[in-house]
Amino acid sequence: MQKDINFKHKASNILDRVALYISGLSFSLLFVFIILLFKQELDIMVITMLALGIPLVFLTSFNIWRNLQYLVDFNSDSNIVNIRYYNKSVECNFSSYIKKTEVSLKNTSSRSGFDCELRLRIEDKSFIINDTFDWTLLEMKLLFEYIKHSKNEPLTEKERSNLSRMEVEIKKNSPQQNL
């Protein structure tokens, strides 16, 4: 395992992240609207748009709330951790010891395929990292393994399972990358 790790991403403030979620929401609602437009039944169209729109707005709002604190950069020498993150739209920097860092993987897969998020806690700061914005599954996997190795923590069976599924997904989506 390497001694240092460094992940740098393009700065992505809350407005950039909200715009991404809203564009996805708008596209979904527009698609449904166009399909229903051909039926030309206004009452069915309004009911369907409300039935689909309210859960989508709730889901979008929930995802935006979860990403109010967004980790942009992570740098460590296996002892000191330096991070750059956004707290809403305010850029912040923070340093701590790797022993005060907790990390876990959460499998968020659905029928449509494998998905996973990395939960990182450094002292009193919590981050949920997924591949929605800048982070890739490979970066999440490497960061998780790095922290576990640096703290000499053994992997649980569930963590091994999630890591192996991540490897399969990484190979499937990026055959040119070496693990």
Protein backbone atom coordinates (compact mmCIF):
# COMPACT_ATOMS: atom_id res chain seq x y z
CA MET A 1 0.00 0.00 0.00
CA GLN A 2 1.29 3.45 -0.87
CA LYS A 3 2.35 5.79 1.91
CA ASP A 4 0.73 8.95 0.51
CA ILE A 5 -2.60 9.45 -1.18
CA ASN A 6 -3.88 12.52 -2.97
CA PHE A 7 -7.26 13.07 -4.64
CA LYS A 8 -7.97 16.44 -6.21
CA HIS A 9 -11.21 17.42 -7.90
CA LYS A 10 -12.59 20.47 -9.59
CA ALA A 11 -14.27 22.79 -7.11
CA SER A 12 -18.00 22.11 -7.10
CA ASN A 13 -20.03 24.48 -4.96
CA ILE A 14 -23.64 23.90 -3.94
CA LEU A 15 -25.02 25.76 -6.97
CA ASP A 16 -23.16 23.41 -9.35
CA ARG A 17 -24.48 20.36 -7.53
CA VAL A 18 -28.04 21.70 -7.34
CA ALA A 19 -27.95 22.50 -11.07
CA LEU A 20 -26.96 18.90 -11.82
CA TYR A 21 -29.80 17.47 -9.76
CA ILE A 22 -32.37 19.93 -11.12
CA SER A 23 -31.35 19.26 -14.71
CA GLY A 24 -31.93 15.54 -14.12
CA LEU A 25 -35.30 16.27 -12.51
CA SER A 26 -36.33 18.64 -15.31
CA PHE A 27 -35.35 16.13 -17.99
CA SER A 28 -37.38 13.38 -16.31
CA LEU A 29 -40.47 15.54 -15.96
CA LEU A 30 -40.15 16.87 -19.52
CA PHE A 31 -39.92 13.32 -20.86
CA VAL A 32 -43.09 12.29 -19.02
CA PHE A 33 -44.84 15.49 -20.13
CA ILE A 34 -44.06 14.81 -23.81
CA ILE A 35 -45.34 11.24 -23.57
CA LEU A 36 -48.53 12.37 -21.86
CA LEU A 37 -48.99 15.22 -24.33
CA PHE A 38 -49.84 12.70 -27.03
CA LYS A 39 -52.71 11.35 -24.92
CA GLN A 40 -54.25 14.86 -24.84
CA GLU A 41 -56.17 14.18 -21.65
CA LEU A 42 -55.41 17.09 -19.38
CA ASP A 43 -56.70 15.61 -16.12
CA ILE A 44 -54.63 12.42 -16.50
CA MET A 45 -51.58 14.47 -17.47
CA VAL A 46 -51.85 16.71 -14.39
CA ILE A 47 -52.39 13.78 -12.00
CA THR A 48 -49.48 11.83 -13.49
CA MET A 49 -47.16 14.84 -13.41
CA LEU A 50 -48.01 15.42 -9.74
CA ALA A 51 -47.64 11.73 -8.88
CA LEU A 52 -44.20 11.61 -10.50
CA GLY A 53 -43.08 15.15 -9.75
CA ILE A 54 -43.61 15.20 -5.99
CA PRO A 55 -41.44 12.11 -5.28
CA LEU A 56 -38.78 13.36 -7.71
CA VAL A 57 -38.69 16.77 -6.04
CA PHE A 58 -38.45 15.08 -2.61
CA LEU A 59 -35.63 12.79 -3.79
CA THR A 60 -33.76 15.69 -5.38
CA SER A 61 -34.11 17.79 -2.22
CA PHE A 62 -32.88 14.88 -0.09
CA ASN A 63 -29.81 14.38 -2.29
CA ILE A 64 -29.01 18.09 -2.19
CA TRP A 65 -29.34 18.10 1.62
CA ARG A 66 -26.99 15.09 1.91
CA ASN A 67 -24.36 16.91 -0.15
CA LEU A 68 -24.36 20.24 1.69
CA GLN A 69 -20.88 19.29 2.94
CA TYR A 70 -19.05 18.03 -0.12
CA LEU A 71 -15.51 16.66 -0.03
CA VAL A 72 -13.44 18.01 -2.90
CA ASP A 73 -9.82 17.06 -2.09
CA PHE A 74 -8.26 14.47 0.18
CA ASN A 75 -4.55 14.31 0.93
CA SER A 76 -2.77 12.14 3.50
CA ASP A 77 0.70 10.91 4.38
CA SER A 78 -0.72 7.97 6.44
CA ASN A 79 -0.62 10.12 9.57
CA ILE A 80 -2.03 13.59 8.81
CA VAL A 81 -5.19 14.05 6.73
CA ASN A 82 -5.75 17.31 4.86
CA ILE A 83 -9.08 17.89 3.20
CA ARG A 84 -10.71 20.64 1.21
CA TYR A 85 -14.49 20.66 1.20
CA TYR A 86 -17.49 22.85 0.63
CA ASN A 87 -19.88 23.60 3.44
CA LYS A 88 -22.78 24.66 1.24
CA SER A 89 -20.93 27.19 -0.96
CA VAL A 90 -18.13 28.10 1.45
CA GLU A 91 -14.77 26.52 0.70
CA CYS A 92 -13.09 25.13 3.83
CA ASN A 93 -9.83 23.38 4.68
CA PHE A 94 -9.29 21.00 7.56
CA SER A 95 -6.46 18.88 8.97
CA SER A 96 -6.58 15.99 11.39
CA TYR A 97 -4.96 12.67 12.19
CA ILE A 98 -5.86 9.57 10.25
CA LYS A 99 -6.58 7.75 13.52
CA LYS A 100 -9.52 10.15 14.00
CA THR A 101 -10.92 9.16 10.61
CA GLU A 102 -13.72 6.64 10.25
CA VAL A 103 -14.71 5.15 6.94
CA SER A 104 -17.41 2.76 5.78
CA LEU A 105 -18.93 1.53 2.56
CA LYS A 106 -22.67 1.40 2.04
CA ASN A 107 -24.12 -0.65 -0.76
CA THR A 108 -26.88 1.45 -2.38
CA SER A 109 -27.53 -0.88 -5.30
CA SER A 110 -30.87 -1.25 -6.97
CA ARG A 111 -32.21 -3.49 -9.69
CA SER A 112 -30.64 -1.22 -12.27
CA GLY A 113 -27.11 -2.09 -11.16
CA PHE A 114 -24.43 -1.80 -8.52
CA ASP A 115 -23.93 1.45 -6.67
CA CYS A 116 -22.02 2.24 -3.51
CA GLU A 117 -21.24 5.23 -1.34
CA LEU A 118 -18.34 5.92 0.94
CA ARG A 119 -19.10 7.45 4.30
CA LEU A 120 -16.21 9.37 5.75
CA ARG A 121 -16.12 10.92 9.19
CA ILE A 122 -13.19 13.03 10.36
CA GLU A 123 -13.66 14.21 13.93
CA ASP A 124 -17.00 16.07 13.81
CA LYS A 125 -17.25 16.36 10.00
CA SER A 126 -19.20 13.82 7.95
CA PHE A 127 -19.10 13.32 4.20
CA ILE A 128 -21.03 11.06 1.88
CA ILE A 129 -19.02 10.35 -1.24
CA ASN A 130 -20.61 8.76 -4.28
CA ASP A 131 -20.02 8.84 -8.00
CA THR A 132 -22.70 11.45 -8.73
CA PHE A 133 -20.28 14.35 -9.18
CA ASP A 134 -16.48 14.12 -9.34
CA TRP A 135 -15.59 10.96 -7.42
CA THR A 136 -15.26 7.63 -9.21
CA LEU A 137 -15.77 4.14 -7.81
CA LEU A 138 -12.04 3.52 -8.21
CA GLU A 139 -11.17 6.59 -6.11
CA MET A 140 -13.69 5.60 -3.47
CA LYS A 141 -12.27 2.07 -3.34
CA LEU A 142 -8.67 3.31 -3.09
CA LEU A 143 -9.53 5.82 -0.38
CA PHE A 144 -11.40 3.21 1.66
CA GLU A 145 -8.55 0.69 1.41
CA TYR A 146 -5.97 3.38 2.20
CA ILE A 147 -7.68 4.49 5.40
CA LYS A 148 -8.33 0.93 6.58
CA HIS A 149 -4.72 -0.04 5.89
CA SER A 150 -3.27 3.12 7.51
CA LYS A 151 -5.27 2.47 10.67
CA ASN A 152 -4.44 -1.27 10.60
CA GLU A 153 -8.13 -2.16 10.69
CA PRO A 154 -9.16 -5.54 9.33
CA LEU A 155 -11.86 -5.72 6.67
CA THR A 156 -15.19 -7.24 7.57
CA GLU A 157 -16.87 -9.78 5.33
CA LYS A 158 -19.40 -7.16 4.23
CA GLU A 159 -16.61 -4.73 3.33
CA ARG A 160 -14.78 -7.41 1.32
CA SER A 161 -18.00 -8.16 -0.52
CA ASN A 162 -18.58 -4.48 -1.34
CA LEU A 163 -14.96 -4.08 -2.48
CA SER A 164 -15.18 -7.09 -4.78
CA ARG A 165 -18.42 -5.79 -6.29
CA MET A 166 -16.76 -2.41 -6.76
CA GLU A 167 -13.85 -4.08 -8.57
CA VAL A 168 -16.24 -5.88 -10.90
CA GLU A 169 -18.09 -2.65 -11.65
CA ILE A 170 -14.83 -0.74 -12.19
CA LYS A 171 -13.55 -3.38 -14.61
CA LYS A 172 -16.89 -3.44 -16.43
CA ASN A 173 -17.04 0.33 -16.88
CA SER A 174 -13.33 1.04 -17.39
CA PRO A 175 -11.56 -1.94 -18.99
CA GLN A 176 -8.44 0.13 -19.73
CA GLN A 177 -7.76 0.94 -16.04
CA ASN A 178 -5.59 -1.39 -13.99
CA LEU A 179 -6.55 -2.21 -10.42
